[in-house]
PDB file of N, CA and C in Angstrom:
ATOM      1  N   MET A   1       3.736  15.992  -4.577  1.00  0.00           N
ATOM      2  CA  MET A   1       2.696  15.389  -5.361  1.00  0.00           C
ATOM      3  C   MET A   1       3.053  13.945  -5.697  1.00  0.00           C
ATOM      4  N   LYS A   2       4.327  13.703  -6.027  1.00  0.00           N
ATOM      5  CA  LYS A   2       4.770  12.346  -6.334  1.00  0.00           C
ATOM      6  C   LYS A   2       4.577  11.445  -5.118  1.00  0.00           C
ATOM      7  N   ARG A   3       4.896  11.959  -3.921  1.00  0.00           N
ATOM      8  CA  ARG A   3       4.736  11.186  -2.699  1.00  0.00           C
ATOM      9  C   ARG A   3       3.266  10.832  -2.503  1.00  0.00           C
ATOM     10  N   PHE A   4       2.350  11.790  -2.770  1.00  0.00           N
ATOM     11  CA  PHE A   4       0.920  11.542  -2.654  1.00  0.00           C
ATOM     12  C   PHE A   4       0.501  10.424  -3.597  1.00  0.00           C
ATOM     13  N   ALA A   5       0.982  10.444  -4.827  1.00  0.00           N
ATOM     14  CA  ALA A   5       0.642   9.402  -5.799  1.00  0.00           C
ATOM     15  C   ALA A   5       1.125   8.045  -5.325  1.00  0.00           C
ATOM     16  N   MET A   6       2.309   7.998  -4.736  1.00  0.00           N
ATOM     17  CA  MET A   6       2.825   6.732  -4.225  1.00  0.00           C
ATOM     18  C   MET A   6       1.984   6.231  -3.066  1.00  0.00           C
ATOM     19  N   LEU A   7       1.590   7.127  -2.195  1.00  0.00           N
ATOM     20  CA  LEU A   7       0.787   6.727  -1.048  1.00  0.00           C
ATOM     21  C   LEU A   7      -0.562   6.202  -1.470  1.00  0.00           C
ATOM     22  N   THR A   8      -1.182   6.855  -2.432  1.00  0.00           N
ATOM     23  CA  THR A   8      -2.494   6.402  -2.850  1.00  0.00           C
ATOM     24  C   THR A   8      -2.428   5.176  -3.748  1.00  0.00           C
ATOM     25  N   ALA A   9      -1.319   4.968  -4.422  1.00  0.00           N
ATOM     26  CA  ALA A   9      -1.191   3.782  -5.273  1.00  0.00           C
ATOM     27  C   ALA A   9      -1.268   2.516  -4.447  1.00  0.00           C
ATOM     28  N   VAL A  10      -0.635   2.499  -3.315  1.00  0.00           N
ATOM     29  CA  VAL A  10      -0.664   1.297  -2.492  1.00  0.00           C
ATOM     30  C   VAL A  10      -2.043   1.049  -1.918  1.00  0.00           C
ATOM     31  N   ALA A  11      -2.794   2.088  -1.701  1.00  0.00           N
ATOM     32  CA  ALA A  11      -4.114   1.919  -1.119  1.00  0.00           C
ATOM     33  C   ALA A  11      -4.998   1.039  -1.982  1.00  0.00           C
ATOM     34  N   ALA A  12      -4.792   1.067  -3.257  1.00  0.00           N
ATOM     35  CA  ALA A  12      -5.628   0.297  -4.160  1.00  0.00           C
ATOM     36  C   ALA A  12      -5.349  -1.191  -4.114  1.00  0.00           C
ATOM     37  N   MET A  13      -4.347  -1.632  -3.385  1.00  0.00           N
ATOM     38  CA  MET A  13      -4.006  -3.041  -3.447  1.00  0.00           C
ATOM     39  C   MET A  13      -4.222  -3.818  -2.159  1.00  0.00           C
ATOM     40  N   LEU A  14      -4.657  -3.191  -1.105  1.00  0.00           N
ATOM     41  CA  LEU A  14      -4.872  -3.905   0.145  1.00  0.00           C
ATOM     42  C   LEU A  14      -6.341  -4.210   0.356  1.00  0.00           C
ATOM     43  N   ALA A  15      -6.665  -5.012   1.347  1.00  0.00           N
ATOM     44  CA  ALA A  15      -8.050  -5.387   1.594  1.00  0.00           C
ATOM     45  C   ALA A  15      -8.546  -4.869   2.928  1.00  0.00           C
ATOM     46  N   ALA A  16      -9.871  -4.735   3.050  1.00  0.00           N
ATOM     47  CA  ALA A  16     -10.465  -4.148   4.248  1.00  0.00           C
ATOM     48  C   ALA A  16     -11.655  -4.962   4.719  1.00  0.00           C
ATOM     49  N   GLY A  17     -12.120  -4.652   5.937  1.00  0.00           N
ATOM     50  CA  GLY A  17     -13.305  -5.281   6.474  1.00  0.00           C
ATOM     51  C   GLY A  17     -13.042  -6.700   6.914  1.00  0.00           C
ATOM     52  N   PRO A  18     -13.994  -7.275   7.645  1.00  0.00           N
ATOM     53  CA  PRO A  18     -13.796  -8.623   8.184  1.00  0.00           C
ATOM     54  C   PRO A  18     -13.540  -9.677   7.114  1.00  0.00           C
ATOM     55  N   VAL A  19     -14.219  -9.592   5.985  1.00  0.00           N
ATOM     56  CA  VAL A  19     -14.044 -10.581   4.932  1.00  0.00           C
ATOM     57  C   VAL A  19     -12.659 -10.469   4.312  1.00  0.00           C
ATOM     58  N   PHE A  20     -12.098  -9.257   4.281  1.00  0.00           N
ATOM     59  CA  PHE A  20     -10.850  -9.014   3.590  1.00  0.00           C
ATOM     60  C   PHE A  20      -9.659  -8.821   4.527  1.00  0.00           C
ATOM     61  N   ALA A  21      -9.848  -9.043   5.808  1.00  0.00           N
ATOM     62  CA  ALA A  21      -8.794  -8.792   6.786  1.00  0.00           C
ATOM     63  C   ALA A  21      -7.527  -9.584   6.475  1.00  0.00           C
ATOM     64  N   ASP A  22      -7.652 -10.682   5.759  1.00  0.00           N
ATOM     65  CA  ASP A  22      -6.489 -11.521   5.489  1.00  0.00           C
ATOM     66  C   ASP A  22      -5.378 -10.771   4.769  1.00  0.00           C
ATOM     67  N   THR A  23      -5.691  -9.884   3.858  1.00  0.00           N
ATOM     68  CA  THR A  23      -4.641  -9.161   3.152  1.00  0.00           C
ATOM     69  C   THR A  23      -3.851  -8.293   4.114  1.00  0.00           C
ATOM     70  N   MET A  24      -4.523  -7.549   4.969  1.00  0.00           N
ATOM     71  CA  MET A  24      -3.820  -6.714   5.939  1.00  0.00           C
ATOM     72  C   MET A  24      -3.035  -7.590   6.910  1.00  0.00           C
ATOM     73  N   ASP A  25      -3.666  -8.640   7.411  1.00  0.00           N
ATOM     74  CA  ASP A  25      -2.964  -9.552   8.321  1.00  0.00           C
ATOM     75  C   ASP A  25      -1.715 -10.119   7.660  1.00  0.00           C
ATOM     76  N   ASN A  26      -1.807 -10.451   6.385  1.00  0.00           N
ATOM     77  CA  ASN A  26      -0.665 -10.998   5.656  1.00  0.00           C
ATOM     78  C   ASN A  26       0.405  -9.955   5.375  1.00  0.00           C
ATOM     79  N   ALA A  27       0.033  -8.679   5.371  1.00  0.00           N
ATOM     80  CA  ALA A  27       1.007  -7.609   5.113  1.00  0.00           C
ATOM     81  C   ALA A  27       1.886  -7.331   6.326  1.00  0.00           C
ATOM     82  N   TYR A  28       1.368  -7.562   7.527  1.00  0.00           N
ATOM     83  CA  TYR A  28       2.156  -7.304   8.732  1.00  0.00           C
ATOM     84  C   TYR A  28       3.399  -8.195   8.714  1.00  0.00           C
ATOM     85  N   SER A  29       4.525  -7.650   9.065  1.00  0.00           N
ATOM     86  CA  SER A  29       5.816  -8.342   9.098  1.00  0.00           C
ATOM     87  C   SER A  29       6.328  -8.703   7.710  1.00  0.00           C
ATOM     88  N   ASN A  30       5.657  -8.219   6.683  1.00  0.00           N
ATOM     89  CA  ASN A  30       6.083  -8.474   5.319  1.00  0.00           C
ATOM     90  C   ASN A  30       6.197  -7.148   4.566  1.00  0.00           C
ATOM     91  N   THR A  31       6.395  -7.205   3.274  1.00  0.00           N
ATOM     92  CA  THR A  31       6.612  -6.001   2.481  1.00  0.00           C
ATOM     93  C   THR A  31       5.677  -5.979   1.281  1.00  0.00           C
ATOM     94  N   ILE A  32       5.031  -4.832   1.089  1.00  0.00           N
ATOM     95  CA  ILE A  32       4.245  -4.585  -0.115  1.00  0.00           C
ATOM     96  C   ILE A  32       5.147  -3.803  -1.059  1.00  0.00           C
ATOM     97  N   VAL A  33       5.366  -4.331  -2.256  1.00  0.00           N
ATOM     98  CA  VAL A  33       6.200  -3.663  -3.251  1.00  0.00           C
ATOM     99  C   VAL A  33       5.296  -3.208  -4.395  1.00  0.00           C
ATOM    100  N   VAL A  34       5.316  -1.904  -4.655  1.00  0.00           N
ATOM    101  CA  VAL A  34       4.545  -1.325  -5.754  1.00  0.00           C
ATOM    102  C   VAL A  34       5.533  -0.898  -6.827  1.00  0.00           C
ATOM    103  N   THR A  35       5.377  -1.453  -8.033  1.00  0.00           N
ATOM    104  CA  THR A  35       6.245  -1.110  -9.154  1.00  0.00           C
ATOM    105  C   THR A  35       5.429  -0.298 -10.156  1.00  0.00           C
ATOM    106  N   TYR A  36       5.955   0.870 -10.481  1.00  0.00           N
ATOM    107  CA  TYR A  36       5.275   1.813 -11.361  1.00  0.00           C
ATOM    108  C   TYR A  36       5.630   1.536 -12.818  1.00  0.00           C
ATOM    109  N   ALA A  37       4.910   2.163 -13.737  1.00  0.00           N
ATOM    110  CA  ALA A  37       5.093   1.955 -15.170  1.00  0.00           C
ATOM    111  C   ALA A  37       6.529   2.246 -15.619  1.00  0.00           C
ATOM    112  N   ASN A  38       7.200   3.171 -14.937  1.00  0.00           N
ATOM    113  CA  ASN A  38       8.579   3.517 -15.306  1.00  0.00           C
ATOM    114  C   ASN A  38       9.613   2.553 -14.728  1.00  0.00           C
ATOM    115  N   GLY A  39       9.162   1.525 -13.999  1.00  0.00           N
ATOM    116  CA  GLY A  39      10.055   0.526 -13.423  1.00  0.00           C
ATOM    117  C   GLY A  39      10.510   0.819 -12.004  1.00  0.00           C
ATOM    118  N   ALA A  40      10.265   2.018 -11.509  1.00  0.00           N
ATOM    119  CA  ALA A  40      10.631   2.368 -10.134  1.00  0.00           C
ATOM    120  C   ALA A  40       9.702   1.658  -9.159  1.00  0.00           C
ATOM    121  N   SER A  41      10.227   1.351  -7.973  1.00  0.00           N
ATOM    122  CA  SER A  41       9.440   0.641  -6.965  1.00  0.00           C
ATOM    123  C   SER A  41       9.466   1.346  -5.623  1.00  0.00           C
ATOM    124  N   SER A  42       8.349   1.248  -4.921  1.00  0.00           N
ATOM    125  CA  SER A  42       8.236   1.698  -3.531  1.00  0.00           C
ATOM    126  C   SER A  42       7.995   0.481  -2.664  1.00  0.00           C
ATOM    127  N   ARG A  43       8.481   0.547  -1.440  1.00  0.00           N
ATOM    128  CA  ARG A  43       8.320  -0.562  -0.492  1.00  0.00           C
ATOM    129  C   ARG A  43       7.561  -0.058   0.721  1.00  0.00           C
ATOM    130  N   TYR A  44       6.476  -0.743   1.064  1.00  0.00           N
ATOM    131  CA  TYR A  44       5.624  -0.372   2.187  1.00  0.00           C
ATOM    132  C   TYR A  44       5.682  -1.438   3.268  1.00  0.00           C
ATOM    133  N   HIS A  45       5.725  -0.990   4.500  1.00  0.00           N
ATOM    134  CA  HIS A  45       5.645  -1.873   5.663  1.00  0.00           C
ATOM    135  C   HIS A  45       4.463  -1.422   6.497  1.00  0.00           C
ATOM    136  N   PHE A  46       3.473  -2.293   6.629  1.00  0.00           N
ATOM    137  CA  PHE A  46       2.284  -2.008   7.429  1.00  0.00           C
ATOM    138  C   PHE A  46       2.377  -2.747   8.748  1.00  0.00           C
ATOM    139  N   ASN A  47       1.930  -2.096   9.813  1.00  0.00           N
ATOM    140  CA  ASN A  47       1.979  -2.659  11.156  1.00  0.00           C
ATOM    141  C   ASN A  47       0.573  -2.787  11.730  1.00  0.00           C
ATOM    142  N   ALA A  48       0.400  -3.745  12.637  1.00  0.00           N
ATOM    143  CA  ALA A  48      -0.904  -3.992  13.246  1.00  0.00           C
ATOM    144  C   ALA A  48      -1.398  -2.808  14.076  1.00  0.00           C
ATOM    145  N   ASP A  49      -0.508  -1.901  14.462  1.00  0.00           N
ATOM    146  CA  ASP A  49      -0.923  -0.732  15.254  1.00  0.00           C
ATOM    147  C   ASP A  49      -1.372   0.436  14.376  1.00  0.00           C
ATOM    148  N   ASN A  50      -1.659   0.158  13.112  1.00  0.00           N
ATOM    149  CA  ASN A  50      -2.153   1.148  12.147  1.00  0.00           C
ATOM    150  C   ASN A  50      -1.115   2.200  11.771  1.00  0.00           C
ATOM    151  N   THR A  51       0.155   1.826  11.794  1.00  0.00           N
ATOM    152  CA  THR A  51       1.212   2.686  11.289  1.00  0.00           C
ATOM    153  C   THR A  51       1.816   2.036  10.051  1.00  0.00           C
ATOM    154  N   PHE A  52       2.470   2.864   9.246  1.00  0.00           N
ATOM    155  CA  PHE A  52       3.156   2.328   8.071  1.00  0.00           C
ATOM    156  C   PHE A  52       4.444   3.108   7.851  1.00  0.00           C
ATOM    157  N   ALA A  53       5.339   2.494   7.094  1.00  0.00           N
ATOM    158  CA  ALA A  53       6.564   3.146   6.636  1.00  0.00           C
ATOM    159  C   ALA A  53       6.657   2.897   5.141  1.00  0.00           C
ATOM    160  N   LEU A  54       7.081   3.914   4.420  1.00  0.00           N
ATOM    161  CA  LEU A  54       7.217   3.847   2.974  1.00  0.00           C
ATOM    162  C   LEU A  54       8.646   4.219   2.607  1.00  0.00           C
ATOM    163  N   HIS A  55       9.251   3.429   1.738  1.00  0.00           N
ATOM    164  CA  HIS A  55      10.580   3.708   1.194  1.00  0.00           C
ATOM    165  C   HIS A  55      10.370   3.990  -0.292  1.00  0.00           C
ATOM    166  N   THR A  56      10.577   5.234  -0.695  1.00  0.00           N
ATOM    167  CA  THR A  56      10.295   5.665  -2.059  1.00  0.00           C
ATOM    168  C   THR A  56      11.447   5.318  -3.004  1.00  0.00           C
ATOM    169  N   PRO A  57      11.184   5.341  -4.314  1.00  0.00           N
ATOM    170  CA  PRO A  57      12.245   5.039  -5.273  1.00  0.00           C
ATOM    171  C   PRO A  57      13.435   6.001  -5.193  1.00  0.00           C
ATOM    172  N   ASP A  58      13.188   7.225  -4.734  1.00  0.00           N
ATOM    173  CA  ASP A  58      14.279   8.201  -4.652  1.00  0.00           C
ATOM    174  C   ASP A  58      14.955   8.231  -3.285  1.00  0.00           C
ATOM    175  N   GLY A  59      14.700   7.200  -2.466  1.00  0.00           N
ATOM    176  CA  GLY A  59      15.400   7.053  -1.202  1.00  0.00           C
ATOM    177  C   GLY A  59      14.776   7.748  -0.008  1.00  0.00           C
ATOM    178  N   GLN A  60      13.620   8.352  -0.184  1.00  0.00           N
ATOM    179  CA  GLN A  60      12.955   8.991   0.953  1.00  0.00           C
ATOM    180  C   GLN A  60      12.275   7.942   1.825  1.00  0.00           C
ATOM    181  N   HIS A  61      12.170   8.267   3.095  1.00  0.00           N
ATOM    182  CA  HIS A  61      11.447   7.420   4.050  1.00  0.00           C
ATOM    183  C   HIS A  61      10.288   8.234   4.592  1.00  0.00           C
ATOM    184  N   VAL A  62       9.093   7.701   4.451  1.00  0.00           N
ATOM    185  CA  VAL A  62       7.877   8.369   4.895  1.00  0.00           C
ATOM    186  C   VAL A  62       7.190   7.456   5.889  1.00  0.00           C
ATOM    187  N   SER A  63       6.720   8.017   6.974  1.00  0.00           N
ATOM    188  CA  SER A  63       5.948   7.232   7.935  1.00  0.00           C
ATOM    189  C   SER A  63       4.612   7.909   8.141  1.00  0.00           C
ATOM    190  N   GLY A  64       3.676   7.161   8.687  1.00  0.00           N
ATOM    191  CA  GLY A  64       2.359   7.721   8.937  1.00  0.00           C
ATOM    192  C   GLY A  64       1.438   6.671   9.506  1.00  0.00           C
ATOM    193  N   THR A  65       0.160   6.960   9.400  1.00  0.00           N
ATOM    194  CA  THR A  65      -0.865   6.048   9.911  1.00  0.00           C
ATOM    195  C   THR A  65      -1.799   5.659   8.771  1.00  0.00           C
ATOM    196  N   TYR A  66      -2.504   4.562   8.979  1.00  0.00           N
ATOM    197  CA  TYR A  66      -3.510   4.146   8.010  1.00  0.00           C
ATOM    198  C   TYR A  66      -4.757   3.705   8.744  1.00  0.00           C
ATOM    199  N   GLU A  67      -5.867   3.745   8.019  1.00  0.00           N
ATOM    200  CA  GLU A  67      -7.144   3.312   8.576  1.00  0.00           C
ATOM    201  C   GLU A  67      -7.888   2.545   7.499  1.00  0.00           C
ATOM    202  N   VAL A  68      -8.435   1.404   7.875  1.00  0.00           N
ATOM    203  CA  VAL A  68      -9.254   0.622   6.969  1.00  0.00           C
ATOM    204  C   VAL A  68     -10.705   0.952   7.297  1.00  0.00           C
ATOM    205  N   THR A  69     -11.429   1.446   6.289  1.00  0.00           N
ATOM    206  CA  THR A  69     -12.837   1.786   6.467  1.00  0.00           C
ATOM    207  C   THR A  69     -13.627   1.228   5.304  1.00  0.00           C
ATOM    208  N   GLY A  70     -14.530   0.309   5.612  1.00  0.00           N
ATOM    209  CA  GLY A  70     -15.323  -0.308   4.553  1.00  0.00           C
ATOM    210  C   GLY A  70     -14.438  -1.005   3.553  1.00  0.00           C
ATOM    211  N   ASP A  71     -14.546  -0.615   2.301  1.00  0.00           N
ATOM    212  CA  ASP A  71     -13.742  -1.235   1.241  1.00  0.00           C
ATOM    213  C   ASP A  71     -12.610  -0.324   0.790  1.00  0.00           C
ATOM    214  N   GLN A  72     -12.143   0.531   1.692  1.00  0.00           N
ATOM    215  CA  GLN A  72     -11.034   1.435   1.374  1.00  0.00           C
ATOM    216  C   GLN A  72      -9.976   1.406   2.471  1.00  0.00           C
ATOM    217  N   ILE A  73      -8.775   1.823   2.072  1.00  0.00           N
ATOM    218  CA  ILE A  73      -7.713   2.072   3.034  1.00  0.00           C
ATOM    219  C   ILE A  73      -7.309   3.530   2.852  1.00  0.00           C
ATOM    220  N   CYS A  74      -7.132   4.215   3.971  1.00  0.00           N
ATOM    221  CA  CYS A  74      -6.761   5.627   3.944  1.00  0.00           C
ATOM    222  C   CYS A  74      -5.404   5.775   4.612  1.00  0.00           C
ATOM    223  N   LEU A  75      -4.465   6.411   3.918  1.00  0.00           N
ATOM    224  CA  LEU A  75      -3.120   6.638   4.426  1.00  0.00           C
ATOM    225  C   LEU A  75      -2.944   8.115   4.750  1.00  0.00           C
ATOM    226  N   THR A  76      -2.357   8.386   5.916  1.00  0.00           N
ATOM    227  CA  THR A  76      -2.042   9.758   6.299  1.00  0.00           C
ATOM    228  C   THR A  76      -0.563   9.822   6.630  1.00  0.00           C
ATOM    229  N   PRO A  77       0.257  10.377   5.731  1.00  0.00           N
ATOM    230  CA  PRO A  77       1.682  10.509   6.029  1.00  0.00           C
ATOM    231  C   PRO A  77       1.898  11.580   7.086  1.00  0.00           C
ATOM    232  N   ALA A  78       2.931  11.446   7.883  1.00  0.00           N
ATOM    233  CA  ALA A  78       3.245  12.447   8.907  1.00  0.00           C
ATOM    234  C   ALA A  78       3.372  13.810   8.231  1.00  0.00           C
ATOM    235  N   GLY A  79       2.597  14.768   8.702  1.00  0.00           N
ATOM    236  CA  GLY A  79       2.632  16.106   8.141  1.00  0.00           C
ATOM    237  C   GLY A  79       1.956  16.238   6.793  1.00  0.00           C
ATOM    238  N   GLY A  80       1.265  15.203   6.335  1.00  0.00           N
ATOM    239  CA  GLY A  80       0.641  15.234   5.011  1.00  0.00           C
ATOM    240  C   GLY A  80      -0.860  15.077   5.079  1.00  0.00           C
ATOM    241  N   GLN A  81      -1.466  14.993   3.920  1.00  0.00           N
ATOM    242  CA  GLN A  81      -2.906  14.861   3.818  1.00  0.00           C
ATOM    243  C   GLN A  81      -3.316  13.414   3.637  1.00  0.00           C
ATOM    244  N   ARG A  82      -4.450  13.076   4.214  1.00  0.00           N
ATOM    245  CA  ARG A  82      -5.039  11.746   4.117  1.00  0.00           C
ATOM    246  C   ARG A  82      -5.455  11.480   2.668  1.00  0.00           C
ATOM    247  N   ALA A  83      -5.179  10.261   2.204  1.00  0.00           N
ATOM    248  CA  ALA A  83      -5.572   9.833   0.857  1.00  0.00           C
ATOM    249  C   ALA A  83      -6.190   8.444   0.958  1.00  0.00           C
ATOM    250  N   CYS A  84      -7.326   8.257   0.304  1.00  0.00           N
ATOM    251  CA  CYS A  84      -8.032   6.973   0.352  1.00  0.00           C
ATOM    252  C   CYS A  84      -8.196   6.408  -1.049  1.00  0.00           C
ATOM    253  N   ALA A  85      -8.276   5.093  -1.124  1.00  0.00           N
ATOM    254  CA  ALA A  85      -8.472   4.426  -2.411  1.00  0.00           C
ATOM    255  C   ALA A  85      -9.155   3.081  -2.186  1.00  0.00           C
ATOM    256  N   PRO A  86      -9.770   2.519  -3.237  1.00  0.00           N
ATOM    257  CA  PRO A  86     -10.390   1.198  -3.146  1.00  0.00           C
ATOM    258  C   PRO A  86      -9.339   0.121  -2.877  1.00  0.00           C
ATOM    259  N   LEU A  87      -9.812  -1.026  -2.402  1.00  0.00           N
ATOM    260  CA  LEU A  87      -8.920  -2.105  -1.986  1.00  0.00           C
ATOM    261  C   LEU A  87      -9.181  -3.403  -2.734  1.00  0.00           C
ATOM    262  N   ALA A  88      -8.161  -4.226  -2.843  1.00  0.00           N
ATOM    263  CA  ALA A  88      -8.283  -5.578  -3.406  1.00  0.00           C
ATOM    264  C   ALA A  88      -8.305  -6.566  -2.245  1.00  0.00           C
ATOM    265  N   ALA A  89      -8.854  -7.734  -2.467  1.00  0.00           N
ATOM    266  CA  ALA A  89      -9.020  -8.699  -1.375  1.00  0.00           C
ATOM    267  C   ALA A  89      -8.234  -9.985  -1.602  1.00  0.00           C
ATOM    268  N   GLY A  90      -8.025 -10.707  -0.498  1.00  0.00           N
ATOM    269  CA  GLY A  90      -7.508 -12.061  -0.562  1.00  0.00           C
ATOM    270  C   GLY A  90      -6.077 -12.222  -1.019  1.00  0.00           C
ATOM    271  N   LYS A  91      -5.222 -11.274  -0.715  1.00  0.00           N
ATOM    272  CA  LYS A  91      -3.827 -11.361  -1.144  1.00  0.00           C
ATOM    273  C   LYS A  91      -2.970 -12.011  -0.065  1.00  0.00           C
ATOM    274  N   ASN A  92      -2.053 -12.860  -0.505  1.00  0.00           N
ATOM    275  CA  ASN A  92      -1.180 -13.615   0.386  1.00  0.00           C
ATOM    276  C   ASN A  92       0.278 -13.385   0.018  1.00  0.00           C
ATOM    277  N   VAL A  93       1.178 -13.704   0.940  1.00  0.00           N
ATOM    278  CA  VAL A  93       2.609 -13.627   0.653  1.00  0.00           C
ATOM    279  C   VAL A  93       2.890 -14.455  -0.594  1.00  0.00           C
ATOM    280  N   GLY A  94       3.615 -13.857  -1.531  1.00  0.00           N
ATOM    281  CA  GLY A  94       3.941 -14.511  -2.791  1.00  0.00           C
ATOM    282  C   GLY A  94       3.045 -14.084  -3.948  1.00  0.00           C
ATOM    283  N   ASP A  95       1.920 -13.421  -3.645  1.00  0.00           N
ATOM    284  CA  ASP A  95       1.018 -12.965  -4.706  1.00  0.00           C
ATOM    285  C   ASP A  95       1.565 -11.711  -5.383  1.00  0.00           C
ATOM    286  N   THR A  96       1.355 -11.637  -6.691  1.00  0.00           N
ATOM    287  CA  THR A  96       1.670 -10.456  -7.485  1.00  0.00           C
ATOM    288  C   THR A  96       0.470 -10.196  -8.375  1.00  0.00           C
ATOM    289  N   TRP A  97       0.077  -8.932  -8.495  1.00  0.00           N
ATOM    290  CA  TRP A  97      -1.066  -8.579  -9.316  1.00  0.00           C
ATOM    291  C   TRP A  97      -0.879  -7.188  -9.911  1.00  0.00           C
ATOM    292  N   THR A  98      -1.652  -6.887 -10.935  1.00  0.00           N
ATOM    293  CA  THR A  98      -1.617  -5.555 -11.538  1.00  0.00           C
ATOM    294  C   THR A  98      -2.954  -4.885 -11.283  1.00  0.00           C
ATOM    295  N   GLN A  99      -2.918  -3.566 -11.282  1.00  0.00           N
ATOM    296  CA  GLN A  99      -4.129  -2.792 -11.089  1.00  0.00           C
ATOM    297  C   GLN A  99      -3.885  -1.369 -11.543  1.00  0.00           C
ATOM    298  N   THR A 100      -4.944  -0.594 -11.573  1.00  0.00           N
ATOM    299  CA  THR A 100      -4.854   0.797 -11.963  1.00  0.00           C
ATOM    300  C   THR A 100      -4.611   1.647 -10.724  1.00  0.00           C
ATOM    301  N   ALA A 101      -3.606   2.509 -10.784  1.00  0.00           N
ATOM    302  CA  ALA A 101      -3.309   3.430  -9.693  1.00  0.00           C
ATOM    303  C   ALA A 101      -4.282   4.596  -9.747  1.00  0.00           C
ATOM    304  N   THR A 102      -4.275   5.408  -8.706  1.00  0.00           N
ATOM    305  CA  THR A 102      -5.197   6.536  -8.637  1.00  0.00           C
ATOM    306  C   THR A 102      -4.955   7.556  -9.746  1.00  0.00           C
ATOM    307  N   ASP A 103      -3.770   7.581 -10.338  1.00  0.00           N
ATOM    308  CA  ASP A 103      -3.498   8.517 -11.437  1.00  0.00           C
ATOM    309  C   ASP A 103      -3.824   7.919 -12.800  1.00  0.00           C
ATOM    310  N   GLY A 104      -4.393   6.689 -12.822  1.00  0.00           N
ATOM    311  CA  GLY A 104      -4.779   6.039 -14.067  1.00  0.00           C
ATOM    312  C   GLY A 104      -3.726   5.144 -14.675  1.00  0.00           C
ATOM    313  N   SER A 105      -2.509   5.175 -14.154  1.00  0.00           N
ATOM    314  CA  SER A 105      -1.441   4.329 -14.682  1.00  0.00           C
ATOM    315  C   SER A 105      -1.577   2.903 -14.147  1.00  0.00           C
ATOM    316  N   GLN A 106      -0.929   1.974 -14.822  1.00  0.00           N
ATOM    317  CA  GLN A 106      -0.915   0.584 -14.371  1.00  0.00           C
ATOM    318  C   GLN A 106       0.268   0.371 -13.431  1.00  0.00           C
ATOM    319  N   ILE A 107       0.012  -0.303 -12.325  1.00  0.00           N
ATOM    320  CA  ILE A 107       1.063  -0.654 -11.385  1.00  0.00           C
ATOM    321  C   ILE A 107       1.040  -2.151 -11.146  1.00  0.00           C
ATOM    322  N   THR A 108       2.185  -2.666 -10.734  1.00  0.00           N
ATOM    323  CA  THR A 108       2.277  -4.064 -10.313  1.00  0.00           C
ATOM    324  C   THR A 108       2.526  -4.051  -8.817  1.00  0.00           C
ATOM    325  N   VAL A 109       1.786  -4.909  -8.121  1.00  0.00           N
ATOM    326  CA  VAL A 109       1.882  -4.972  -6.658  1.00  0.00           C
ATOM    327  C   VAL A 109       2.268  -6.389  -6.267  1.00  0.00           C
ATOM    328  N   ALA A 110       3.166  -6.514  -5.315  1.00  0.00           N
ATOM    329  CA  ALA A 110       3.596  -7.822  -4.820  1.00  0.00           C
ATOM    330  C   ALA A 110       3.611  -7.799  -3.297  1.00  0.00           C
ATOM    331  N   LEU A 111       3.196  -8.895  -2.705  1.00  0.00           N
ATOM    332  CA  LEU A 111       3.287  -9.068  -1.260  1.00  0.00           C
ATOM    333  C   LEU A 111       4.435 -10.045  -1.018  1.00  0.00           C
ATOM    334  N   GLU A 112       5.564  -9.497  -0.561  1.00  0.00           N
ATOM    335  CA  GLU A 112       6.774 -10.278  -0.387  1.00  0.00           C
ATOM    336  C   GLU A 112       7.016 -10.636   1.076  1.00  0.00           C
ATOM    337  N   ALA A 113       7.586 -11.801   1.310  1.00  0.00           N
ATOM    338  CA  ALA A 113       7.895 -12.254   2.665  1.00  0.00           C
ATOM    339  C   ALA A 113       9.011 -11.416   3.264  1.00  0.00           C
ATOM    340  N   GLY A 114       8.885 -11.085   4.542  1.00  0.00           N
ATOM    341  CA  GLY A 114       9.936 -10.386   5.275  1.00  0.00           C
ATOM    342  C   GLY A 114       9.958  -8.896   5.024  1.00  0.00           C
ATOM    343  N   ARG A 115      10.873  -8.275   5.754  1.00  0.00           N
ATOM    344  CA  ARG A 115      10.999  -6.826   5.648  1.00  0.00           C
ATOM    345  C   ARG A 115      12.339  -6.446   5.092  1.00  0.00           C
TER     346      ARG A 115
END
């Protein structure tokens, strides 16, 4: 369940569709860092081939696929269930923002250079 929450939390911070493609394009070759209310962080790596890797706060490594549809991003971890969430637009390397995660908690999201 914790892994599901982490997967869906990141979905709320990326952008979709032609107008918002810049956020996804900017995420490739870089790192999305999601920091939770308790201070723990997850690191996501998104690839142009619609795959992702997640490094959880407890040291787990999760891989899977993602799909951008309309104004949502949907993540499907290997062997897991697909989870979708709304997306934010126009994020660039160096940007940090806060938002509400799918469980209602506040998270901080950063798009950091490199992997």
